[in-house]
Amino acid sequence: MTIYGIKNCDTMKKAFTYLDSKGVKYTFHDYKKESPDATWLTELVDTYGVDTVINKKGITWKKLAPEVQKKASTTKGAVALMIQSPSMIKRPIVIQGKKVIFGFDSAEWDKQL
């Protein structure tokens, strides 16, 4: 299992606490230390949609000018924005085999993990 996000994010801290309390082994990919891969982000957007991958409720997204936000209407534009500002990627993203989970919800994680 790999969990993607930003280490200092409060939601990520909840996710780490959850996984650690369950004894789940995972690898952590910190976007701040290693930029997300454009090919991987493209696959996520193409498969799950930009509204699932980008956290449009987050402050990073909300601070963008409307004309910049419009760039996310295409996969290429959305990926460019996420690479430029990884803080707008929904956190966490968990990959376990072929299963992909976006965001943290302990009740949902109990069912999925």
PDB file of N, CA and C in Angstrom:
ATOM      1  N   MET A   1       0.844  -1.176   0.000  1.00  0.00           N
ATOM      2  CA  MET A   1       0.000   0.000   0.000  1.00  0.00           C
ATOM      3  C   MET A   1       0.888   1.237   0.000  1.00  0.00           C
ATOM      4  N   THR A   2       0.487   2.198  -0.824  1.00  0.00           N
ATOM      5  CA  THR A   2       1.178   3.479  -0.847  1.00  0.00           C
ATOM      6  C   THR A   2       0.160   4.561  -0.558  1.00  0.00           C
ATOM      7  N   ILE A   3       0.542   5.491   0.302  1.00  0.00           N
ATOM      8  CA  ILE A   3      -0.314   6.622   0.643  1.00  0.00           C
ATOM      9  C   ILE A   3       0.409   7.884   0.162  1.00  0.00           C
ATOM     10  N   TYR A   4      -0.325   8.701  -0.579  1.00  0.00           N
ATOM     11  CA  TYR A   4       0.223   9.906  -1.182  1.00  0.00           C
ATOM     12  C   TYR A   4      -0.360  11.128  -0.507  1.00  0.00           C
ATOM     13  N   GLY A   5       0.484  12.127  -0.268  1.00  0.00           N
ATOM     14  CA  GLY A   5      -0.003  13.360   0.333  1.00  0.00           C
ATOM     15  C   GLY A   5       1.126  14.253   0.786  1.00  0.00           C
ATOM     16  N   ILE A   6       0.820  15.057   1.782  1.00  0.00           N
ATOM     17  CA  ILE A   6       1.768  16.013   2.355  1.00  0.00           C
ATOM     18  C   ILE A   6       1.826  15.742   3.856  1.00  0.00           C
ATOM     19  N   LYS A   7       3.022  15.519   4.349  1.00  0.00           N
ATOM     20  CA  LYS A   7       3.208  15.050   5.720  1.00  0.00           C
ATOM     21  C   LYS A   7       2.543  15.930   6.779  1.00  0.00           C
ATOM     22  N   ASN A   8       2.604  17.235   6.631  1.00  0.00           N
ATOM     23  CA  ASN A   8       2.113  18.127   7.676  1.00  0.00           C
ATOM     24  C   ASN A   8       0.618  18.422   7.604  1.00  0.00           C
ATOM     25  N   CYS A   9      -0.074  17.840   6.677  1.00  0.00           N
ATOM     26  CA  CYS A   9      -1.522  18.036   6.515  1.00  0.00           C
ATOM     27  C   CYS A   9      -2.270  17.336   7.666  1.00  0.00           C
ATOM     28  N   ASP A  10      -3.244  18.019   8.245  1.00  0.00           N
ATOM     29  CA  ASP A  10      -4.014  17.441   9.356  1.00  0.00           C
ATOM     30  C   ASP A  10      -4.752  16.170   8.953  1.00  0.00           C
ATOM     31  N   THR A  11      -5.296  16.155   7.740  1.00  0.00           N
ATOM     32  CA  THR A  11      -5.995  14.955   7.274  1.00  0.00           C
ATOM     33  C   THR A  11      -5.017  13.797   7.119  1.00  0.00           C
ATOM     34  N   MET A  12      -3.826  14.093   6.642  1.00  0.00           N
ATOM     35  CA  MET A  12      -2.808  13.054   6.508  1.00  0.00           C
ATOM     36  C   MET A  12      -2.422  12.500   7.876  1.00  0.00           C
ATOM     37  N   LYS A  13      -2.311  13.369   8.857  1.00  0.00           N
ATOM     38  CA  LYS A  13      -1.968  12.918  10.204  1.00  0.00           C
ATOM     39  C   LYS A  13      -3.037  11.962  10.739  1.00  0.00           C
ATOM     40  N   LYS A  14      -4.308  12.254  10.463  1.00  0.00           N
ATOM     41  CA  LYS A  14      -5.389  11.359  10.870  1.00  0.00           C
ATOM     42  C   LYS A  14      -5.265  10.014  10.149  1.00  0.00           C
ATOM     43  N   ALA A  15      -4.928  10.071   8.869  1.00  0.00           N
ATOM     44  CA  ALA A  15      -4.781   8.841   8.080  1.00  0.00           C
ATOM     45  C   ALA A  15      -3.619   8.004   8.612  1.00  0.00           C
ATOM     46  N   PHE A  16      -2.483   8.644   8.914  1.00  0.00           N
ATOM     47  CA  PHE A  16      -1.334   7.911   9.456  1.00  0.00           C
ATOM     48  C   PHE A  16      -1.685   7.268  10.791  1.00  0.00           C
ATOM     49  N   THR A  17      -2.369   8.027  11.653  1.00  0.00           N
ATOM     50  CA  THR A  17      -2.776   7.504  12.959  1.00  0.00           C
ATOM     51  C   THR A  17      -3.685   6.296  12.784  1.00  0.00           C
ATOM     52  N   TYR A  18      -4.631   6.397  11.867  1.00  0.00           N
ATOM     53  CA  TYR A  18      -5.547   5.292  11.584  1.00  0.00           C
ATOM     54  C   TYR A  18      -4.767   4.058  11.140  1.00  0.00           C
ATOM     55  N   LEU A  19      -3.915   4.207  10.131  1.00  0.00           N
ATOM     56  CA  LEU A  19      -3.157   3.072   9.598  1.00  0.00           C
ATOM     57  C   LEU A  19      -2.246   2.464  10.659  1.00  0.00           C
ATOM     58  N   ASP A  20      -1.574   3.330  11.418  1.00  0.00           N
ATOM     59  CA  ASP A  20      -0.670   2.837  12.464  1.00  0.00           C
ATOM     60  C   ASP A  20      -1.439   2.080  13.546  1.00  0.00           C
ATOM     61  N   SER A  21      -2.624   2.577  13.917  1.00  0.00           N
ATOM     62  CA  SER A  21      -3.420   1.915  14.956  1.00  0.00           C
ATOM     63  C   SER A  21      -3.917   0.542  14.506  1.00  0.00           C
ATOM     64  N   LYS A  22      -4.063   0.370  13.209  1.00  0.00           N
ATOM     65  CA  LYS A  22      -4.518  -0.909  12.648  1.00  0.00           C
ATOM     66  C   LYS A  22      -3.344  -1.828  12.297  1.00  0.00           C
ATOM     67  N   GLY A  23      -2.117  -1.311  12.471  1.00  0.00           N
ATOM     68  CA  GLY A  23      -0.939  -2.111  12.144  1.00  0.00           C
ATOM     69  C   GLY A  23      -0.735  -2.304  10.653  1.00  0.00           C
ATOM     70  N   VAL A  24      -1.279  -1.407   9.857  1.00  0.00           N
ATOM     71  CA  VAL A  24      -1.175  -1.505   8.397  1.00  0.00           C
ATOM     72  C   VAL A  24       0.181  -0.972   7.946  1.00  0.00           C
ATOM     73  N   LYS A  25       0.880  -1.765   7.167  1.00  0.00           N
ATOM     74  CA  LYS A  25       2.172  -1.349   6.603  1.00  0.00           C
ATOM     75  C   LYS A  25       1.902  -0.535   5.341  1.00  0.00           C
ATOM     76  N   TYR A  26       2.636   0.564   5.178  1.00  0.00           N
ATOM     77  CA  TYR A  26       2.451   1.419   4.006  1.00  0.00           C
ATOM     78  C   TYR A  26       3.742   2.146   3.676  1.00  0.00           C
ATOM     79  N   THR A  27       3.799   2.584   2.447  1.00  0.00           N
ATOM     80  CA  THR A  27       4.876   3.458   1.981  1.00  0.00           C
ATOM     81  C   THR A  27       4.244   4.824   1.794  1.00  0.00           C
ATOM     82  N   PHE A  28       4.973   5.861   2.183  1.00  0.00           N
ATOM     83  CA  PHE A  28       4.446   7.221   2.074  1.00  0.00           C
ATOM     84  C   PHE A  28       5.184   7.981   0.988  1.00  0.00           C
ATOM     85  N   HIS A  29       4.414   8.601   0.104  1.00  0.00           N
ATOM     86  CA  HIS A  29       4.962   9.462  -0.951  1.00  0.00           C
ATOM     87  C   HIS A  29       4.568  10.895  -0.613  1.00  0.00           C
ATOM     88  N   ASP A  30       5.555  11.704  -0.232  1.00  0.00           N
ATOM     89  CA  ASP A  30       5.323  13.096   0.154  1.00  0.00           C
ATOM     90  C   ASP A  30       5.509  13.985  -1.069  1.00  0.00           C
ATOM     91  N   TYR A  31       4.430  14.648  -1.501  1.00  0.00           N
ATOM     92  CA  TYR A  31       4.498  15.514  -2.672  1.00  0.00           C
ATOM     93  C   TYR A  31       5.487  16.662  -2.511  1.00  0.00           C
ATOM     94  N   LYS A  32       5.728  17.072  -1.282  1.00  0.00           N
ATOM     95  CA  LYS A  32       6.641  18.191  -1.044  1.00  0.00           C
ATOM     96  C   LYS A  32       8.098  17.772  -1.238  1.00  0.00           C
ATOM     97  N   LYS A  33       8.374  16.486  -1.055  1.00  0.00           N
ATOM     98  CA  LYS A  33       9.741  15.983  -1.227  1.00  0.00           C
ATOM     99  C   LYS A  33       9.970  15.419  -2.616  1.00  0.00           C
ATOM    100  N   GLU A  34       8.928  14.838  -3.191  1.00  0.00           N
ATOM    101  CA  GLU A  34       9.030  14.264  -4.525  1.00  0.00           C
ATOM    102  C   GLU A  34       7.760  14.605  -5.290  1.00  0.00           C
ATOM    103  N   SER A  35       7.918  15.445  -6.289  1.00  0.00           N
ATOM    104  CA  SER A  35       6.775  15.903  -7.084  1.00  0.00           C
ATOM    105  C   SER A  35       5.968  14.727  -7.624  1.00  0.00           C
ATOM    106  N   PRO A  36       4.663  14.883  -7.701  1.00  0.00           N
ATOM    107  CA  PRO A  36       3.855  13.811  -8.289  1.00  0.00           C
ATOM    108  C   PRO A  36       4.180  13.663  -9.774  1.00  0.00           C
ATOM    109  N   ASP A  37       4.064  12.459 -10.258  1.00  0.00           N
ATOM    110  CA  ASP A  37       4.377  12.126 -11.647  1.00  0.00           C
ATOM    111  C   ASP A  37       3.222  12.538 -12.563  1.00  0.00           C
ATOM    112  N   ALA A  38       3.541  13.216 -13.669  1.00  0.00           N
ATOM    113  CA  ALA A  38       2.520  13.699 -14.602  1.00  0.00           C
ATOM    114  C   ALA A  38       1.724  12.550 -15.214  1.00  0.00           C
ATOM    115  N   THR A  39       2.386  11.454 -15.547  1.00  0.00           N
ATOM    116  CA  THR A  39       1.693  10.311 -16.136  1.00  0.00           C
ATOM    117  C   THR A  39       0.693   9.731 -15.141  1.00  0.00           C
ATOM    118  N   TRP A  40       1.108   9.595 -13.889  1.00  0.00           N
ATOM    119  CA  TRP A  40       0.245   9.067 -12.842  1.00  0.00           C
ATOM    120  C   TRP A  40      -0.965   9.979 -12.620  1.00  0.00           C
ATOM    121  N   LEU A  41      -0.723  11.288 -12.539  1.00  0.00           N
ATOM    122  CA  LEU A  41      -1.824  12.233 -12.353  1.00  0.00           C
ATOM    123  C   LEU A  41      -2.788  12.197 -13.541  1.00  0.00           C
ATOM    124  N   THR A  42      -2.247  12.086 -14.744  1.00  0.00           N
ATOM    125  CA  THR A  42      -3.082  12.002 -15.947  1.00  0.00           C
ATOM    126  C   THR A  42      -3.988  10.776 -15.875  1.00  0.00           C
ATOM    127  N   GLU A  43      -3.434   9.645 -15.472  1.00  0.00           N
ATOM    128  CA  GLU A  43      -4.230   8.421 -15.336  1.00  0.00           C
ATOM    129  C   GLU A  43      -5.335   8.596 -14.299  1.00  0.00           C
ATOM    130  N   LEU A  44      -5.006   9.229 -13.174  1.00  0.00           N
ATOM    131  CA  LEU A  44      -6.010   9.449 -12.129  1.00  0.00           C
ATOM    132  C   LEU A  44      -7.148  10.341 -12.634  1.00  0.00           C
ATOM    133  N   VAL A  45      -6.784  11.448 -13.287  1.00  0.00           N
ATOM    134  CA  VAL A  45      -7.797  12.376 -13.791  1.00  0.00           C
ATOM    135  C   VAL A  45      -8.647  11.705 -14.867  1.00  0.00           C
ATOM    136  N   ASP A  46      -8.005  10.986 -15.780  1.00  0.00           N
ATOM    137  CA  ASP A  46      -8.746  10.321 -16.852  1.00  0.00           C
ATOM    138  C   ASP A  46      -9.679   9.235 -16.313  1.00  0.00           C
ATOM    139  N   THR A  47      -9.265   8.565 -15.241  1.00  0.00           N
ATOM    140  CA  THR A  47     -10.059   7.467 -14.681  1.00  0.00           C
ATOM    141  C   THR A  47     -11.135   7.951 -13.712  1.00  0.00           C
ATOM    142  N   TYR A  48     -10.784   8.885 -12.830  1.00  0.00           N
ATOM    143  CA  TYR A  48     -11.686   9.263 -11.745  1.00  0.00           C
ATOM    144  C   TYR A  48     -12.287  10.662 -11.880  1.00  0.00           C
ATOM    145  N   GLY A  49     -11.745  11.461 -12.783  1.00  0.00           N
ATOM    146  CA  GLY A  49     -12.254  12.817 -12.991  1.00  0.00           C
ATOM    147  C   GLY A  49     -11.520  13.852 -12.167  1.00  0.00           C
ATOM    148  N   VAL A  50     -11.448  15.033 -12.708  1.00  0.00           N
ATOM    149  CA  VAL A  50     -10.715  16.117 -12.061  1.00  0.00           C
ATOM    150  C   VAL A  50     -11.334  16.487 -10.709  1.00  0.00           C
ATOM    151  N   ASP A  51     -12.661  16.392 -10.589  1.00  0.00           N
ATOM    152  CA  ASP A  51     -13.307  16.763  -9.330  1.00  0.00           C
ATOM    153  C   ASP A  51     -13.001  15.785  -8.197  1.00  0.00           C
ATOM    154  N   THR A  52     -12.570  14.598  -8.531  1.00  0.00           N
ATOM    155  CA  THR A  52     -12.163  13.626  -7.516  1.00  0.00           C
ATOM    156  C   THR A  52     -10.712  13.845  -7.116  1.00  0.00           C
ATOM    157  N   VAL A  53      -9.880  14.214  -8.060  1.00  0.00           N
ATOM    158  CA  VAL A  53      -8.435  14.310  -7.813  1.00  0.00           C
ATOM    159  C   VAL A  53      -8.033  15.658  -7.219  1.00  0.00           C
ATOM    160  N   ILE A  54      -8.664  16.725  -7.671  1.00  0.00           N
ATOM    161  CA  ILE A  54      -8.337  18.053  -7.133  1.00  0.00           C
ATOM    162  C   ILE A  54      -9.276  18.359  -5.970  1.00  0.00           C
ATOM    163  N   ASN A  55      -8.699  18.856  -4.890  1.00  0.00           N
ATOM    164  CA  ASN A  55      -9.477  19.258  -3.720  1.00  0.00           C
ATOM    165  C   ASN A  55      -9.978  20.683  -3.941  1.00  0.00           C
ATOM    166  N   LYS A  56     -11.162  20.792  -4.499  1.00  0.00           N
ATOM    167  CA  LYS A  56     -11.709  22.115  -4.805  1.00  0.00           C
ATOM    168  C   LYS A  56     -12.290  22.816  -3.579  1.00  0.00           C
ATOM    169  N   LYS A  57     -12.301  22.128  -2.449  1.00  0.00           N
ATOM    170  CA  LYS A  57     -12.739  22.756  -1.201  1.00  0.00           C
ATOM    171  C   LYS A  57     -11.556  23.363  -0.446  1.00  0.00           C
ATOM    172  N   GLY A  58     -10.355  23.035  -0.884  1.00  0.00           N
ATOM    173  CA  GLY A  58      -9.150  23.486  -0.187  1.00  0.00           C
ATOM    174  C   GLY A  58      -8.773  24.917  -0.498  1.00  0.00           C
ATOM    175  N   ILE A  59      -7.997  25.489   0.395  1.00  0.00           N
ATOM    176  CA  ILE A  59      -7.588  26.886   0.278  1.00  0.00           C
ATOM    177  C   ILE A  59      -6.697  27.122  -0.943  1.00  0.00           C
ATOM    178  N   THR A  60      -5.885  26.134  -1.305  1.00  0.00           N
ATOM    179  CA  THR A  60      -4.999  26.302  -2.464  1.00  0.00           C
ATOM    180  C   THR A  60      -5.828  26.532  -3.723  1.00  0.00           C
ATOM    181  N   TRP A  61      -6.876  25.747  -3.902  1.00  0.00           N
ATOM    182  CA  TRP A  61      -7.751  25.894  -5.062  1.00  0.00           C
ATOM    183  C   TRP A  61      -8.516  27.218  -4.995  1.00  0.00           C
ATOM    184  N   LYS A  62      -9.061  27.519  -3.837  1.00  0.00           N
ATOM    185  CA  LYS A  62      -9.884  28.711  -3.686  1.00  0.00           C
ATOM    186  C   LYS A  62      -9.104  30.006  -3.917  1.00  0.00           C
ATOM    187  N   LYS A  63      -7.807  29.978  -3.671  1.00  0.00           N
ATOM    188  CA  LYS A  63      -6.972  31.168  -3.869  1.00  0.00           C
ATOM    189  C   LYS A  63      -6.670  31.435  -5.342  1.00  0.00           C
ATOM    190  N   LEU A  64      -6.898  30.430  -6.195  1.00  0.00           N
ATOM    191  CA  LEU A  64      -6.608  30.604  -7.615  1.00  0.00           C
ATOM    192  C   LEU A  64      -7.634  31.531  -8.267  1.00  0.00           C
ATOM    193  N   ALA A  65      -7.147  32.355  -9.174  1.00  0.00           N
ATOM    194  CA  ALA A  65      -8.043  33.215  -9.949  1.00  0.00           C
ATOM    195  C   ALA A  65      -8.928  32.335 -10.833  1.00  0.00           C
ATOM    196  N   PRO A  66     -10.151  32.773 -11.096  1.00  0.00           N
ATOM    197  CA  PRO A  66     -11.059  31.971 -11.925  1.00  0.00           C
ATOM    198  C   PRO A  66     -10.457  31.560 -13.269  1.00  0.00           C
ATOM    199  N   GLU A  67      -9.685  32.436 -13.887  1.00  0.00           N
ATOM    200  CA  GLU A  67      -9.087  32.085 -15.175  1.00  0.00           C
ATOM    201  C   GLU A  67      -8.043  30.981 -15.025  1.00  0.00           C
ATOM    202  N   VAL A  68      -7.400  30.900 -13.883  1.00  0.00           N
ATOM    203  CA  VAL A  68      -6.449  29.819 -13.621  1.00  0.00           C
ATOM    204  C   VAL A  68      -7.216  28.531 -13.336  1.00  0.00           C
ATOM    205  N   GLN A  69      -8.280  28.619 -12.564  1.00  0.00           N
ATOM    206  CA  GLN A  69      -9.107  27.445 -12.280  1.00  0.00           C
ATOM    207  C   GLN A  69      -9.662  26.828 -13.566  1.00  0.00           C
ATOM    208  N   LYS A  70      -9.962  27.647 -14.545  1.00  0.00           N
ATOM    209  CA  LYS A  70     -10.493  27.155 -15.822  1.00  0.00           C
ATOM    210  C   LYS A  70      -9.512  26.206 -16.512  1.00  0.00           C
ATOM    211  N   LYS A  71      -8.224  26.356 -16.222  1.00  0.00           N
ATOM    212  CA  LYS A  71      -7.223  25.472 -16.827  1.00  0.00           C
ATOM    213  C   LYS A  71      -7.475  24.015 -16.443  1.00  0.00           C
ATOM    214  N   ALA A  72      -8.129  23.799 -15.316  1.00  0.00           N
ATOM    215  CA  ALA A  72      -8.397  22.435 -14.852  1.00  0.00           C
ATOM    216  C   ALA A  72      -9.536  21.778 -15.626  1.00  0.00           C
ATOM    217  N   SER A  73     -10.098  22.472 -16.608  1.00  0.00           N
ATOM    218  CA  SER A  73     -11.179  21.885 -17.397  1.00  0.00           C
ATOM    219  C   SER A  73     -10.663  20.852 -18.397  1.00  0.00           C
ATOM    220  N   THR A  74      -9.353  20.821 -18.609  1.00  0.00           N
ATOM    221  CA  THR A  74      -8.744  19.779 -19.444  1.00  0.00           C
ATOM    222  C   THR A  74      -7.802  18.964 -18.577  1.00  0.00           C
ATOM    223  N   THR A  75      -7.602  17.731 -18.963  1.00  0.00           N
ATOM    224  CA  THR A  75      -6.679  16.876 -18.205  1.00  0.00           C
ATOM    225  C   THR A  75      -5.292  17.502 -18.173  1.00  0.00           C
ATOM    226  N   LYS A  76      -4.814  17.945 -19.314  1.00  0.00           N
ATOM    227  CA  LYS A  76      -3.471  18.528 -19.394  1.00  0.00           C
ATOM    228  C   LYS A  76      -3.344  19.748 -18.472  1.00  0.00           C
ATOM    229  N   GLY A  77      -4.354  20.604 -18.482  1.00  0.00           N
ATOM    230  CA  GLY A  77      -4.334  21.787 -17.626  1.00  0.00           C
ATOM    231  C   GLY A  77      -4.403  21.429 -16.148  1.00  0.00           C
ATOM    232  N   ALA A  78      -5.251  20.461 -15.804  1.00  0.00           N
ATOM    233  CA  ALA A  78      -5.388  20.035 -14.403  1.00  0.00           C
ATOM    234  C   ALA A  78      -4.076  19.452 -13.891  1.00  0.00           C
ATOM    235  N   VAL A  79      -3.444  18.616 -14.706  1.00  0.00           N
ATOM    236  CA  VAL A  79      -2.172  17.992 -14.308  1.00  0.00           C
ATOM    237  C   VAL A  79      -1.106  19.065 -14.123  1.00  0.00           C
ATOM    238  N   ALA A  80      -1.045  20.024 -15.025  1.00  0.00           N
ATOM    239  CA  ALA A  80      -0.057  21.106 -14.894  1.00  0.00           C
ATOM    240  C   ALA A  80      -0.263  21.882 -13.600  1.00  0.00           C
ATOM    241  N   LEU A  81      -1.513  22.166 -13.252  1.00  0.00           N
ATOM    242  CA  LEU A  81      -1.802  22.876 -12.005  1.00  0.00           C
ATOM    243  C   LEU A  81      -1.382  22.056 -10.784  1.00  0.00           C
ATOM    244  N   MET A  82      -1.655  20.745 -10.809  1.00  0.00           N
ATOM    245  CA  MET A  82      -1.313  19.901  -9.660  1.00  0.00           C
ATOM    246  C   MET A  82       0.194  19.742  -9.501  1.00  0.00           C
ATOM    247  N   ILE A  83       0.917  19.696 -10.608  1.00  0.00           N
ATOM    248  CA  ILE A  83       2.374  19.599 -10.511  1.00  0.00           C
ATOM    249  C   ILE A  83       2.944  20.912  -9.984  1.00  0.00           C
ATOM    250  N   GLN A  84       2.387  22.004 -10.437  1.00  0.00           N
ATOM    251  CA  GLN A  84       2.834  23.326  -9.987  1.00  0.00           C
ATOM    252  C   GLN A  84       2.520  23.546  -8.507  1.00  0.00           C
ATOM    253  N   SER A  85       1.374  23.028  -8.074  1.00  0.00           N
ATOM    254  CA  SER A  85       0.932  23.238  -6.696  1.00  0.00           C
ATOM    255  C   SER A  85       0.310  21.953  -6.139  1.00  0.00           C
ATOM    256  N   PRO A  86       1.156  21.006  -5.692  1.00  0.00           N
ATOM    257  CA  PRO A  86       0.656  19.707  -5.214  1.00  0.00           C
ATOM    258  C   PRO A  86      -0.308  19.799  -4.028  1.00  0.00           C
ATOM    259  N   SER A  87      -0.328  20.938  -3.357  1.00  0.00           N
ATOM    260  CA  SER A  87      -1.247  21.098  -2.220  1.00  0.00           C
ATOM    261  C   SER A  87      -2.702  21.018  -2.641  1.00  0.00           C
ATOM    262  N   MET A  88      -2.992  21.177  -3.936  1.00  0.00           N
ATOM    263  CA  MET A  88      -4.392  21.120  -4.374  1.00  0.00           C
ATOM    264  C   MET A  88      -4.859  19.698  -4.678  1.00  0.00           C
ATOM    265  N   ILE A  89      -3.952  18.727  -4.604  1.00  0.00           N
ATOM    266  CA  ILE A  89      -4.340  17.333  -4.831  1.00  0.00           C
ATOM    267  C   ILE A  89      -5.056  16.824  -3.577  1.00  0.00           C
ATOM    268  N   LYS A  90      -6.177  16.165  -3.783  1.00  0.00           N
ATOM    269  CA  LYS A  90      -6.939  15.612  -2.659  1.00  0.00           C
ATOM    270  C   LYS A  90      -6.031  14.697  -1.831  1.00  0.00           C
ATOM    271  N   ARG A  91      -6.177  14.781  -0.513  1.00  0.00           N
ATOM    272  CA  ARG A  91      -5.322  13.988   0.369  1.00  0.00           C
ATOM    273  C   ARG A  91      -6.165  13.227   1.375  1.00  0.00           C
ATOM    274  N   PRO A  92      -5.675  12.053   1.691  1.00  0.00           N
ATOM    275  CA  PRO A  92      -4.647  11.300   0.976  1.00  0.00           C
ATOM    276  C   PRO A  92      -5.236  10.580  -0.237  1.00  0.00           C
ATOM    277  N   ILE A  93      -4.337  10.080  -1.050  1.00  0.00           N
ATOM    278  CA  ILE A  93      -4.704   9.111  -2.078  1.00  0.00           C
ATOM    279  C   ILE A  93      -4.011   7.825  -1.664  1.00  0.00           C
ATOM    280  N   VAL A  94      -4.788   6.762  -1.552  1.00  0.00           N
ATOM    281  CA  VAL A  94      -4.245   5.466  -1.145  1.00  0.00           C
ATOM    282  C   VAL A  94      -4.365   4.512  -2.327  1.00  0.00           C
ATOM    283  N   ILE A  95      -3.255   3.871  -2.646  1.00  0.00           N
ATOM    284  CA  ILE A  95      -3.234   2.859  -3.700  1.00  0.00           C
ATOM    285  C   ILE A  95      -2.889   1.527  -3.041  1.00  0.00           C
ATOM    286  N   GLN A  96      -3.787   0.582  -3.186  1.00  0.00           N
ATOM    287  CA  GLN A  96      -3.570  -0.762  -2.648  1.00  0.00           C
ATOM    288  C   GLN A  96      -3.958  -1.739  -3.748  1.00  0.00           C
ATOM    289  N   GLY A  97      -2.943  -2.248  -4.436  1.00  0.00           N
ATOM    290  CA  GLY A  97      -3.211  -3.094  -5.592  1.00  0.00           C
ATOM    291  C   GLY A  97      -3.912  -2.266  -6.655  1.00  0.00           C
ATOM    292  N   LYS A  98      -5.106  -2.706  -7.066  1.00  0.00           N
ATOM    293  CA  LYS A  98      -5.878  -1.953  -8.056  1.00  0.00           C
ATOM    294  C   LYS A  98      -6.886  -1.006  -7.405  1.00  0.00           C
ATOM    295  N   LYS A  99      -6.955  -1.035  -6.090  1.00  0.00           N
ATOM    296  CA  LYS A  99      -7.896  -0.189  -5.345  1.00  0.00           C
ATOM    297  C   LYS A  99      -7.284   1.197  -5.132  1.00  0.00           C
ATOM    298  N   VAL A 100      -8.088   2.226  -5.375  1.00  0.00           N
ATOM    299  CA  VAL A 100      -7.668   3.610  -5.163  1.00  0.00           C
ATOM    300  C   VAL A 100      -8.720   4.283  -4.287  1.00  0.00           C
ATOM    301  N   ILE A 101      -8.262   4.903  -3.204  1.00  0.00           N
ATOM    302  CA  ILE A 101      -9.160   5.592  -2.279  1.00  0.00           C
ATOM    303  C   ILE A 101      -8.713   7.047  -2.183  1.00  0.00           C
ATOM    304  N   PHE A 102      -9.664   7.969  -2.325  1.00  0.00           N
ATOM    305  CA  PHE A 102      -9.374   9.405  -2.234  1.00  0.00           C
ATOM    306  C   PHE A 102      -9.953   9.946  -0.941  1.00  0.00           C
ATOM    307  N   GLY A 103      -9.131  10.670  -0.189  1.00  0.00           N
ATOM    308  CA  GLY A 103      -9.589  11.293   1.042  1.00  0.00           C
ATOM    309  C   GLY A 103      -9.596  10.318   2.211  1.00  0.00           C
ATOM    310  N   PHE A 104      -9.806  10.872   3.403  1.00  0.00           N
ATOM    311  CA  PHE A 104      -9.829  10.042   4.604  1.00  0.00           C
ATOM    312  C   PHE A 104     -11.195  10.079   5.256  1.00  0.00           C
ATOM    313  N   ASP A 105     -11.764   8.908   5.441  1.00  0.00           N
ATOM    314  CA  ASP A 105     -13.006   8.717   6.174  1.00  0.00           C
ATOM    315  C   ASP A 105     -12.850   7.366   6.878  1.00  0.00           C
ATOM    316  N   SER A 106     -12.701   7.392   8.199  1.00  0.00           N
ATOM    317  CA  SER A 106     -12.395   6.154   8.933  1.00  0.00           C
ATOM    318  C   SER A 106     -13.437   5.065   8.705  1.00  0.00           C
ATOM    319  N   ALA A 107     -14.718   5.440   8.638  1.00  0.00           N
ATOM    320  CA  ALA A 107     -15.762   4.428   8.413  1.00  0.00           C
ATOM    321  C   ALA A 107     -15.613   3.804   7.030  1.00  0.00           C
ATOM    322  N   GLU A 108     -15.304   4.615   6.045  1.00  0.00           N
ATOM    323  CA  GLU A 108     -15.108   4.100   4.692  1.00  0.00           C
ATOM    324  C   GLU A 108     -13.834   3.251   4.618  1.00  0.00           C
ATOM    325  N   TRP A 109     -12.804   3.698   5.283  1.00  0.00           N
ATOM    326  CA  TRP A 109     -11.558   2.940   5.297  1.00  0.00           C
ATOM    327  C   TRP A 109     -11.760   1.584   5.988  1.00  0.00           C
ATOM    328  N   ASP A 110     -12.594   1.537   7.037  1.00  0.00           N
ATOM    329  CA  ASP A 110     -12.877   0.260   7.686  1.00  0.00           C
ATOM    330  C   ASP A 110     -13.458  -0.733   6.691  1.00  0.00           C
ATOM    331  N   LYS A 111     -14.278  -0.255   5.769  1.00  0.00           N
ATOM    332  CA  LYS A 111     -14.875  -1.133   4.757  1.00  0.00           C
ATOM    333  C   LYS A 111     -13.881  -1.499   3.659  1.00  0.00           C
ATOM    334  N   GLN A 112     -13.017  -0.560   3.296  1.00  0.00           N
ATOM    335  CA  GLN A 112     -12.165  -0.718   2.115  1.00  0.00           C
ATOM    336  C   GLN A 112     -10.808  -1.373   2.402  1.00  0.00           C
ATOM    337  N   LEU A 113     -10.262  -1.119   3.577  1.00  0.00           N
ATOM    338  CA  LEU A 113      -8.884  -1.592   3.829  1.00  0.00           C
ATOM    339  C   LEU A 113      -8.835  -2.835   4.672  1.00  0.00           C
TER     340      LEU A 113
END
